[in-house]
Amino acid sequence: MNPHAMSTKLSGFVLLWLTIQSLVAAPVQAELISVSASGTISKNNSADTTLPNGTPWTFEIIYDTAAPDLDFELTGRPLATFGRFTNTGTIPTVTFFHYHAANYEVTIDDPEDFDAFTEIDITLGSVSTIDINLFAPGLFPSLAGEAVSFHAGLTNGSHSDFGDDIPSTFTSDALPTETSFGLQSFQDGGVTLLTSSGGVVVGGLSDITSLRFASVPEPPTSAVAIISGLGLLLRRRPRSFRL
C-alpha cells in the first residue's frame, strides 16, 4: 500500500473532523446586522421618468456593530444620546448594500467603495431615529443623467402635546442589534434615492410592506482556515511511487 496515499487520506479525515468540531462548538457571531425592506415608490419629483409612483422596490444594508462611535468628531466629546458610525473608522460600518426598483439596481459589497460621507446616525430622545446615508460616487447608476445617493430613515417613538407619547424602544446610541424590530416598531420613515439636483424618489413608511432586522452569522476564522486547507488537500492528487 502506498504510504503517501495513506498519509494524505489520514490528514484529510483529521481536517474534516476539526472543521466539523469548530463549526459545531463555535457560537454564532452577531456582529453583522442586516436591515432589509420592500415597498413601493410614492413620490418622484426628480427628472427621471423610469420610476413612477407604484413601482416596487427592495433594499438591504448590512452593518458591522463592532464599528466605533465617532460622534465626538462632530460634537467635540462623546454623547450618550447620539451615535455616529462611518466607514472611515478602524472598522467600517457599512459592509453591503443593494437596492432594486424596476430597471434601476445597485449592489455594493466592498466597504472601501463607500466614501467618507457614508454613515449611520442614531439619535435618542422622546423621538429616536436611525438615519442611513450612503454615498458611493460612480457606483450608483445615474437617474436622468444625475448622480445618486441613498437615504433611509426610521423614527421610533412620538411626542404629543396631549400626553399620549409613544416611548422609544431604542435603549442606547449604539448600532441596533435587536432583531425583533419590524414595521410595528416605527411610526415614521422612508427609503429615498436622492439626485444631485435635489430630486427625490421616495417610498414612505406607509408604502413599506416589509421591514426586517436580522443577524448575519460569520463563520469563525479558524473554521474558514481549516475549510480552505481541506479544500487544497482534497484537490491535491497523490503522486505514484515506483520501487
Protein backbone atom coordinates (compact mmCIF):
# COMPACT_ATOMS: atom_id res chain seq x y z
CA MET A 1 0.00 0.00 0.00
CA ASN A 2 1.26 3.48 -0.89
CA PRO A 3 2.29 5.21 2.40
CA HIS A 4 1.91 8.65 0.83
CA ALA A 5 -1.70 7.97 -0.13
CA MET A 6 -2.44 6.69 3.37
CA SER A 7 -0.95 9.84 4.90
CA THR A 8 -3.00 12.08 2.60
CA LYS A 9 -6.23 10.29 3.46
CA LEU A 10 -5.49 10.43 7.18
CA SER A 11 -4.74 14.18 7.01
CA GLY A 12 -7.97 14.72 5.12
CA PHE A 13 -10.03 12.92 7.76
CA VAL A 14 -8.32 14.89 10.55
CA LEU A 15 -9.03 18.23 8.87
CA LEU A 16 -12.63 17.24 8.21
CA TRP A 17 -13.12 16.28 11.86
CA LEU A 18 -11.58 19.57 13.05
CA THR A 19 -13.82 21.53 10.69
CA ILE A 20 -16.97 19.85 11.99
CA GLN A 21 -15.92 20.37 15.60
CA SER A 22 -15.13 24.07 15.10
CA LEU A 23 -18.43 24.74 13.36
CA VAL A 24 -20.46 22.91 15.98
CA ALA A 25 -18.68 24.27 19.05
CA ALA A 26 -18.27 27.91 17.99
CA PRO A 27 -21.09 30.32 18.92
CA VAL A 28 -22.87 32.29 16.23
CA GLN A 29 -21.33 35.74 15.93
CA ALA A 30 -23.89 38.56 15.79
CA GLU A 31 -21.62 41.45 14.80
CA LEU A 32 -23.25 41.85 11.40
CA ILE A 33 -26.85 43.02 11.17
CA SER A 34 -28.94 43.06 8.01
CA VAL A 35 -31.74 45.58 7.52
CA SER A 36 -33.95 44.74 4.57
CA ALA A 37 -37.21 46.20 3.33
CA SER A 38 -39.58 46.26 0.38
CA GLY A 39 -42.33 48.59 -0.70
CA THR A 40 -43.49 50.88 -3.48
CA ILE A 41 -42.48 54.35 -4.65
CA SER A 42 -44.95 57.03 -3.57
CA LYS A 43 -43.16 60.17 -4.78
CA ASN A 44 -40.76 61.00 -7.60
CA ASN A 45 -40.06 64.68 -8.20
CA SER A 46 -36.75 64.08 -9.98
CA ALA A 47 -36.21 64.44 -13.72
CA ASP A 48 -36.31 60.65 -14.05
CA THR A 49 -39.40 59.09 -15.63
CA THR A 50 -38.47 55.40 -15.30
CA LEU A 51 -39.55 55.06 -11.64
CA PRO A 52 -43.16 56.26 -11.44
CA ASN A 53 -45.34 56.07 -8.35
CA GLY A 54 -46.32 52.50 -7.54
CA THR A 55 -43.02 50.98 -8.71
CA PRO A 56 -41.96 48.17 -6.33
CA TRP A 57 -38.53 48.41 -4.71
CA THR A 58 -36.37 46.37 -2.35
CA PHE A 59 -33.24 47.21 -0.42
CA GLU A 60 -30.81 45.64 2.02
CA ILE A 61 -27.94 47.04 4.04
CA ILE A 62 -25.54 45.10 6.27
CA TYR A 63 -23.65 46.91 9.01
CA ASP A 64 -20.97 45.86 11.47
CA THR A 65 -21.92 46.54 15.09
CA ALA A 66 -18.24 46.49 16.06
CA ALA A 67 -17.70 49.79 14.22
CA PRO A 68 -16.64 52.61 16.57
CA ASP A 69 -18.90 55.52 17.53
CA LEU A 70 -17.31 58.65 16.04
CA ASP A 71 -19.82 61.18 17.35
CA PHE A 72 -17.01 63.16 19.05
CA GLU A 73 -15.68 64.16 15.62
CA LEU A 74 -18.75 66.38 15.26
CA THR A 75 -19.62 67.16 18.87
CA GLY A 76 -16.15 67.51 20.40
CA ARG A 77 -16.92 64.88 23.04
CA PRO A 78 -18.84 61.59 23.22
CA LEU A 79 -22.59 61.96 23.75
CA ALA A 80 -24.87 59.28 25.20
CA THR A 81 -27.76 60.42 23.01
CA PHE A 82 -26.03 60.48 19.64
CA GLY A 83 -24.19 57.75 17.77
CA ARG A 84 -22.32 58.32 14.51
CA PHE A 85 -20.88 55.36 12.63
CA THR A 86 -18.92 55.83 9.41
CA ASN A 87 -16.75 53.85 7.03
CA THR A 88 -13.66 55.87 7.94
CA GLY A 89 -13.08 54.29 11.35
CA THR A 90 -10.86 51.34 12.23
CA ILE A 91 -13.81 49.05 11.42
CA PRO A 92 -16.04 50.17 8.51
CA THR A 93 -19.71 50.36 9.42
CA VAL A 94 -21.47 49.52 6.15
CA THR A 95 -20.29 46.28 4.53
CA PHE A 96 -23.02 45.63 1.93
CA PHE A 97 -25.82 47.46 0.13
CA HIS A 98 -28.38 46.53 -2.52
CA TYR A 99 -31.28 48.47 -3.99
CA HIS A 100 -33.59 47.44 -6.83
CA ALA A 101 -36.56 49.18 -8.43
CA ALA A 102 -37.69 48.33 -11.99
CA ASN A 103 -34.56 48.63 -14.19
CA TYR A 104 -32.63 50.56 -11.54
CA GLU A 105 -30.30 48.39 -9.49
CA VAL A 106 -27.12 48.86 -7.48
CA THR A 107 -25.05 46.44 -5.41
CA ILE A 108 -22.02 47.47 -3.35
CA ASP A 109 -20.23 44.72 -1.43
CA ASP A 110 -16.86 46.32 -0.65
CA PRO A 111 -16.78 48.64 2.40
CA GLU A 112 -13.98 50.64 0.78
CA ASP A 113 -16.31 51.69 -2.07
CA PHE A 114 -18.37 53.89 0.26
CA ASP A 115 -16.98 57.39 0.63
CA ALA A 116 -16.34 59.48 3.76
CA PHE A 117 -19.90 60.86 3.83
CA THR A 118 -21.40 57.40 4.31
CA GLU A 119 -22.68 57.00 7.86
CA ILE A 120 -25.40 55.66 10.13
CA ASP A 121 -26.62 58.06 12.82
CA ILE A 122 -28.56 57.11 15.94
CA THR A 123 -30.35 59.94 17.77
CA LEU A 124 -32.04 59.28 21.11
CA GLY A 125 -34.87 61.22 22.69
CA SER A 126 -38.62 61.07 23.12
CA VAL A 127 -38.47 60.60 19.36
CA SER A 128 -35.48 58.45 18.36
CA THR A 129 -34.22 57.96 14.83
CA ILE A 130 -31.86 55.85 12.79
CA ASP A 131 -30.59 57.60 9.66
CA ILE A 132 -28.68 55.75 6.95
CA ASN A 133 -26.80 57.86 4.40
CA LEU A 134 -24.87 56.10 1.65
CA PHE A 135 -22.54 57.70 -0.88
CA ALA A 136 -20.50 55.80 -3.45
CA PRO A 137 -19.66 58.07 -6.41
CA GLY A 138 -19.62 56.25 -9.72
CA LEU A 139 -21.27 53.11 -8.38
CA PHE A 140 -24.88 54.32 -8.14
CA PRO A 141 -26.41 54.35 -11.63
CA SER A 142 -27.46 57.85 -12.61
CA LEU A 143 -31.08 58.99 -12.85
CA ALA A 144 -31.78 61.27 -15.82
CA GLY A 145 -28.03 61.85 -16.03
CA GLU A 146 -27.70 62.93 -12.39
CA ALA A 147 -25.56 61.41 -9.64
CA VAL A 148 -27.50 59.46 -7.00
CA SER A 149 -27.08 58.75 -3.27
CA PHE A 150 -29.27 56.85 -0.79
CA HIS A 151 -31.03 57.67 2.46
CA ALA A 152 -33.22 55.59 4.75
CA GLY A 153 -34.69 56.92 7.96
CA LEU A 154 -36.79 55.28 10.65
CA THR A 155 -38.39 57.10 13.59
CA ASN A 156 -39.24 55.31 16.81
CA GLY A 157 -41.47 56.89 19.46
CA SER A 158 -43.54 60.06 19.25
CA HIS A 159 -44.30 63.21 21.20
CA SER A 160 -47.72 64.76 21.61
CA ASP A 161 -48.97 67.86 23.44
CA PHE A 162 -51.89 65.73 24.61
CA GLY A 163 -49.69 63.40 26.66
CA ASP A 164 -50.15 60.24 24.59
CA ASP A 165 -46.45 59.76 23.92
CA ILE A 166 -45.21 56.52 22.40
CA PRO A 167 -41.90 55.67 24.13
CA SER A 168 -38.85 54.85 22.04
CA THR A 169 -37.59 51.28 22.09
CA PHE A 170 -34.02 52.35 21.35
CA THR A 171 -32.09 51.91 24.59
CA SER A 172 -28.69 53.28 23.54
CA ASP A 173 -26.95 55.22 20.80
CA ALA A 174 -25.17 52.07 19.60
CA LEU A 175 -25.97 50.42 16.29
CA PRO A 176 -29.13 48.33 16.83
CA THR A 177 -28.67 44.62 17.41
CA GLU A 178 -32.34 43.98 18.22
CA THR A 179 -33.74 41.60 15.60
CA SER A 180 -37.35 41.89 16.75
CA PHE A 181 -37.69 45.32 15.13
CA GLY A 182 -40.22 45.46 12.30
CA LEU A 183 -42.77 47.81 10.77
CA GLN A 184 -44.68 47.85 14.06
CA SER A 185 -41.63 49.33 15.82
CA PHE A 186 -41.60 52.63 13.91
CA GLN A 187 -44.02 55.48 13.49
CA ASP A 188 -42.42 57.30 10.56
CA GLY A 189 -39.68 56.89 7.99
CA GLY A 190 -38.90 56.18 4.39
CA VAL A 191 -36.43 54.98 1.79
CA THR A 192 -35.11 57.55 -0.67
CA LEU A 193 -32.92 57.89 -3.74
CA LEU A 194 -31.57 61.44 -3.89
CA THR A 195 -30.32 63.07 -7.10
CA SER A 196 -27.62 65.73 -7.28
CA SER A 197 -30.13 68.45 -8.22
CA GLY A 198 -32.28 67.79 -5.15
CA GLY A 199 -34.85 65.42 -6.63
CA VAL A 200 -36.10 62.51 -4.56
CA VAL A 201 -37.54 59.08 -5.30
CA VAL A 202 -39.31 58.10 -2.08
CA GLY A 203 -41.08 55.14 -0.57
CA GLY A 204 -42.65 56.33 2.71
CA LEU A 205 -43.28 54.18 5.77
CA SER A 206 -46.93 53.71 4.80
CA ASP A 207 -45.72 52.32 1.46
CA ILE A 208 -43.28 49.84 3.03
CA THR A 209 -44.71 46.34 3.01
CA SER A 210 -41.92 44.55 4.90
CA LEU A 211 -39.06 45.52 7.21
CA ARG A 212 -36.68 43.09 8.83
CA PHE A 213 -33.66 43.31 11.13
CA ALA A 214 -31.67 40.06 11.15
CA SER A 215 -28.37 38.74 12.43
CA VAL A 216 -25.85 37.69 9.79
CA PRO A 217 -23.65 34.92 11.24
CA GLU A 218 -19.99 34.78 10.26
CA PRO A 219 -18.00 31.53 10.20
CA PRO A 220 -15.18 31.54 12.78
CA THR A 221 -11.77 32.41 11.34
CA SER A 222 -10.34 29.06 12.41
CA ALA A 223 -13.10 27.20 10.60
CA VAL A 224 -12.50 29.19 7.42
CA ALA A 225 -8.79 28.38 7.54
CA ILE A 226 -9.47 24.68 8.11
CA ILE A 227 -12.02 24.53 5.29
CA SER A 228 -9.57 26.23 2.94
CA GLY A 229 -6.82 23.80 3.90
CA LEU A 230 -9.15 20.84 3.48
CA GLY A 231 -10.11 22.01 0.01
CA LEU A 232 -6.48 22.31 -1.04
CA LEU A 233 -5.66 18.90 0.40
CA LEU A 234 -8.55 17.16 -1.32
CA ARG A 235 -7.63 18.74 -4.65
CA ARG A 236 -4.04 17.55 -4.35
CA ARG A 237 -3.54 14.24 -6.14
CA PRO A 238 -1.08 11.84 -4.54
CA ARG A 239 1.90 11.02 -6.71
CA SER A 240 2.60 7.41 -7.57
CA PHE A 241 5.86 5.92 -6.30
CA ARG A 242 7.78 3.23 -8.04
CA LEU A 243 10.01 0.84 -6.12
